[in-house]
Amino acid sequence: MDLFLSQLLLGAYRLVEGMIYAAGGILSAILSVLSISTYRSTGLPKVKYAIGAFALLSAFLFYEYLEIQFKSVGDNPYSEIILPVLVLASIMFFFLAIVRKK
């Protein structure tokens, strides 16, 4: 009985985790589209950094969602290098959007 309960809880945990990653990915994709719209209407160069940051964040969250849903996606050893680089690049883009003068 304990094995069944632990498997049930693990399944629920993975479901919630996947939903959080999917929601974050959808939100960051929406923010990317809104940033593109803002850039087209205002022409502010700083918005380009926000577009890049939201796009990279969306790619990261989408990959994490796929990794949870399909275990074979996460078997790639390069993902252990690429995913942290995506997050770091996203943070750098946000940083540049804030501190750039023009």
Protein backbone atom coordinates (compact mmCIF):
# COMPACT_ATOMS: atom_id res chain seq x y z
CA MET A 1 0.00 0.00 0.00
CA ASP A 2 2.83 2.40 0.78
CA LEU A 3 4.36 1.79 -2.65
CA PHE A 4 1.06 2.62 -4.35
CA LEU A 5 0.65 5.81 -2.32
CA SER A 6 4.22 6.94 -3.00
CA GLN A 7 3.76 6.34 -6.76
CA LEU A 8 0.50 8.28 -6.67
CA LEU A 9 2.15 11.20 -4.89
CA LEU A 10 5.09 11.14 -7.31
CA GLY A 11 2.69 11.28 -10.26
CA ALA A 12 0.84 14.21 -8.71
CA TYR A 13 4.14 15.99 -8.08
CA ARG A 14 5.22 15.56 -11.69
CA LEU A 15 1.84 16.78 -12.92
CA VAL A 16 2.03 19.94 -10.82
CA GLU A 17 5.66 20.52 -11.79
CA GLY A 18 4.80 20.17 -15.48
CA MET A 19 1.87 22.55 -15.15
CA ILE A 20 4.10 25.17 -13.49
CA TYR A 21 6.71 24.91 -16.24
CA ALA A 22 4.02 25.06 -18.94
CA ALA A 23 2.38 28.10 -17.35
CA GLY A 24 5.73 29.87 -17.04
CA GLY A 25 6.60 29.06 -20.64
CA ILE A 26 3.26 30.35 -21.90
CA LEU A 27 3.57 33.52 -19.82
CA SER A 28 7.10 34.21 -21.04
CA ALA A 29 6.00 33.61 -24.65
CA ILE A 30 3.16 36.10 -24.18
CA LEU A 31 5.61 38.60 -22.69
CA SER A 32 7.90 38.09 -25.69
CA VAL A 33 5.06 38.92 -28.06
CA LEU A 34 4.09 41.96 -25.98
CA SER A 35 7.72 43.11 -25.98
CA ILE A 36 7.89 42.78 -29.75
CA SER A 37 4.72 44.84 -30.04
CA THR A 38 6.15 47.45 -27.69
CA TYR A 39 9.38 47.62 -29.67
CA ARG A 40 7.50 48.11 -32.93
CA SER A 41 5.40 50.92 -31.50
CA THR A 42 8.09 52.74 -29.51
CA GLY A 43 11.38 51.79 -31.17
CA LEU A 44 13.21 51.76 -27.83
CA PRO A 45 16.46 49.77 -28.22
CA LYS A 46 16.31 48.51 -24.61
CA VAL A 47 13.19 46.51 -25.41
CA LYS A 48 15.26 44.27 -27.70
CA TYR A 49 17.06 42.92 -24.63
CA ALA A 50 13.75 42.13 -22.95
CA ILE A 51 12.60 40.33 -26.11
CA GLY A 52 15.73 38.18 -26.04
CA ALA A 53 15.41 37.49 -22.33
CA PHE A 54 11.76 36.44 -22.54
CA ALA A 55 12.41 34.30 -25.61
CA LEU A 56 15.29 32.46 -23.93
CA LEU A 57 13.29 32.00 -20.76
CA SER A 58 10.40 30.62 -22.79
CA ALA A 59 12.71 28.14 -24.55
CA PHE A 60 14.15 27.01 -21.21
CA LEU A 61 10.74 26.48 -19.61
CA PHE A 62 9.40 24.70 -22.69
CA TYR A 63 12.36 22.31 -22.66
CA GLU A 64 11.89 21.65 -18.95
CA TYR A 65 8.22 20.89 -19.59
CA LEU A 66 9.15 18.44 -22.36
CA GLU A 67 11.73 16.83 -20.09
CA ILE A 68 9.07 16.18 -17.45
CA GLN A 69 6.48 14.90 -19.91
CA PHE A 70 8.82 12.76 -22.02
CA LYS A 71 11.75 11.29 -20.10
CA SER A 72 13.73 10.57 -23.29
CA VAL A 73 14.10 14.30 -23.97
CA GLY A 74 16.18 14.79 -20.83
CA ASP A 75 18.64 12.02 -21.68
CA ASN A 76 20.79 14.37 -23.76
CA PRO A 77 24.05 15.14 -21.89
CA TYR A 78 24.36 18.49 -23.64
CA SER A 79 21.20 19.72 -21.93
CA GLU A 80 23.12 19.93 -18.65
CA ILE A 81 25.28 22.62 -20.29
CA ILE A 82 22.80 24.31 -22.60
CA LEU A 83 20.01 24.87 -20.08
CA PRO A 84 22.09 26.80 -17.53
CA VAL A 85 23.50 28.87 -20.40
CA LEU A 86 19.95 29.76 -21.46
CA VAL A 87 19.12 30.95 -17.94
CA LEU A 88 22.39 32.89 -17.65
CA ALA A 89 21.85 34.55 -21.04
CA SER A 90 18.30 35.47 -20.04
CA ILE A 91 19.55 37.09 -16.84
CA MET A 92 22.25 38.93 -18.78
CA PHE A 93 19.64 40.30 -21.23
CA PHE A 94 17.51 41.56 -18.35
CA PHE A 95 20.59 43.13 -16.80
CA LEU A 96 21.49 44.88 -20.07
CA ALA A 97 17.91 46.12 -20.47
CA ILE A 98 18.18 47.81 -17.08
CA VAL A 99 21.71 49.28 -17.16
CA ARG A 100 22.19 50.27 -20.81
CA LYS A 101 22.17 54.04 -21.30
CA LYS A 102 20.60 54.18 -24.78
